[in-house]
Amino acid sequence: MLGAGLAAGSMGAGAEPSGVAIKMTQEAFVPAQVTVGAGTPVTWTNNDSVPHSVTALDGTFDSGPILPGKTYRWTPEKPGTVAYHCIFHPSMKAQMVVGAKP
């Protein structure tokens, strides 16, 4: 029985969390609020016909322009709340709550 427990425990070691997907569509982040664990990758995809950005208000990250059909990926490393917006469209605002590592 001890061997089975060790095998089960090792299966998760080194595995990357699946991640969270956020869409930029109709000049909005969808969803506008997400909760993720530290170390979980977050990917934003621009589904609009104009450029967008993903820019943290506290300077934690800044994607620069994301062209239509392109993505930006960022992985939070520590817990906290990060508000972000699009520099091109002031009404595009969202928030990410980062919890402890899963």
Protein backbone atom coordinates (compact mmCIF):
# COMPACT_ATOMS: atom_id res chain seq x y z
CA MET A 1 0.00 0.00 0.00
CA LEU A 2 2.84 2.37 0.71
CA GLY A 3 4.07 2.11 -2.89
CA ALA A 4 0.64 3.04 -4.27
CA GLY A 5 0.56 6.17 -2.11
CA LEU A 6 3.99 7.25 -3.30
CA ALA A 7 3.05 6.74 -6.93
CA ALA A 8 -0.15 8.76 -6.54
CA GLY A 9 1.73 11.57 -4.80
CA SER A 10 4.38 11.79 -7.49
CA MET A 11 1.90 12.08 -10.35
CA GLY A 12 1.14 15.71 -9.47
CA ALA A 13 4.73 16.74 -8.87
CA GLY A 14 5.98 19.18 -11.48
CA ALA A 15 2.61 19.37 -13.23
CA GLU A 16 1.74 22.87 -14.44
CA PRO A 17 -1.70 24.16 -13.47
CA SER A 18 -4.08 24.19 -16.43
CA GLY A 19 -4.50 27.94 -16.43
CA VAL A 20 -7.26 30.51 -16.78
CA ALA A 21 -8.52 31.97 -20.06
CA ILE A 22 -9.86 35.52 -20.36
CA LYS A 23 -11.34 36.91 -23.57
CA MET A 24 -11.20 40.48 -24.79
CA THR A 25 -14.44 40.84 -26.68
CA GLN A 26 -16.78 43.74 -27.44
CA GLU A 27 -14.31 46.02 -25.63
CA ALA A 28 -14.61 44.08 -22.36
CA PHE A 29 -12.63 41.50 -20.40
CA VAL A 30 -14.69 38.32 -20.05
CA PRO A 31 -14.85 37.41 -17.24
CA ALA A 32 -14.15 40.77 -15.60
CA GLN A 33 -13.19 39.15 -12.29
CA VAL A 34 -11.30 35.90 -11.78
CA THR A 35 -9.76 34.09 -8.86
CA VAL A 36 -6.61 32.07 -9.50
CA GLY A 37 -3.93 30.36 -7.47
CA ALA A 38 -0.39 31.73 -7.47
CA GLY A 39 1.59 29.93 -10.17
CA THR A 40 -1.48 29.46 -12.38
CA PRO A 41 -0.96 30.86 -15.90
CA VAL A 42 -3.52 33.38 -17.15
CA THR A 43 -4.00 33.87 -20.90
CA TRP A 44 -5.86 36.78 -22.46
CA THR A 45 -7.05 36.45 -26.07
CA ASN A 46 -8.05 39.45 -28.18
CA ASN A 47 -11.25 38.46 -29.98
CA ASP A 48 -12.00 42.01 -31.13
CA SER A 49 -11.02 43.72 -34.38
CA VAL A 50 -8.94 46.41 -32.65
CA PRO A 51 -5.79 46.25 -30.46
CA HIS A 52 -6.11 45.98 -26.68
CA SER A 53 -3.70 45.79 -23.77
CA VAL A 54 -3.63 44.11 -20.39
CA THR A 55 -2.01 46.63 -18.06
CA ALA A 56 -1.90 46.24 -14.27
CA LEU A 57 -2.63 49.44 -12.37
CA ASP A 58 0.22 48.67 -9.95
CA GLY A 59 2.73 48.05 -12.76
CA THR A 60 2.95 44.28 -12.11
CA PHE A 61 2.53 43.51 -15.81
CA ASP A 62 1.91 45.26 -19.12
CA SER A 63 1.25 43.36 -22.30
CA GLY A 64 1.76 46.25 -24.67
CA PRO A 65 -0.57 46.21 -27.68
CA ILE A 66 -2.26 42.85 -28.30
CA LEU A 67 -3.39 42.70 -31.90
CA PRO A 68 -6.65 41.01 -32.94
CA GLY A 69 -6.38 37.22 -32.73
CA LYS A 70 -3.26 37.35 -30.53
CA THR A 71 -2.75 36.37 -26.90
CA TYR A 72 -0.83 37.50 -23.82
CA ARG A 73 0.16 35.15 -21.00
CA TRP A 74 1.19 36.04 -17.45
CA THR A 75 1.65 33.90 -14.36
CA PRO A 76 1.08 35.49 -10.93
CA GLU A 77 3.66 34.42 -8.38
CA LYS A 78 2.26 35.83 -5.12
CA PRO A 79 -1.19 36.25 -3.54
CA GLY A 80 -3.00 39.56 -3.75
CA THR A 81 -5.51 41.49 -5.85
CA VAL A 82 -4.44 42.95 -9.18
CA ALA A 83 -6.65 45.47 -10.96
CA TYR A 84 -5.95 45.90 -14.67
CA HIS A 85 -7.28 47.73 -17.70
CA CYS A 86 -6.79 48.36 -21.41
CA ILE A 87 -4.74 51.48 -22.15
CA PHE A 88 -6.65 51.99 -25.42
CA HIS A 89 -10.16 51.67 -23.95
CA PRO A 90 -10.57 53.24 -20.47
CA SER A 91 -13.90 51.48 -19.91
CA MET A 92 -12.18 48.06 -20.11
CA LYS A 93 -11.41 47.25 -16.47
CA ALA A 94 -11.05 43.97 -14.61
CA GLN A 95 -9.65 42.40 -11.47
CA MET A 96 -7.74 39.23 -10.60
CA VAL A 97 -7.67 37.80 -7.07
CA VAL A 98 -4.60 35.62 -6.59
CA GLY A 99 -4.72 33.07 -3.80
CA ALA A 100 -2.08 30.75 -2.40
CA LYS A 101 -0.54 28.12 -4.67
CA PRO A 102 -2.97 25.25 -5.26
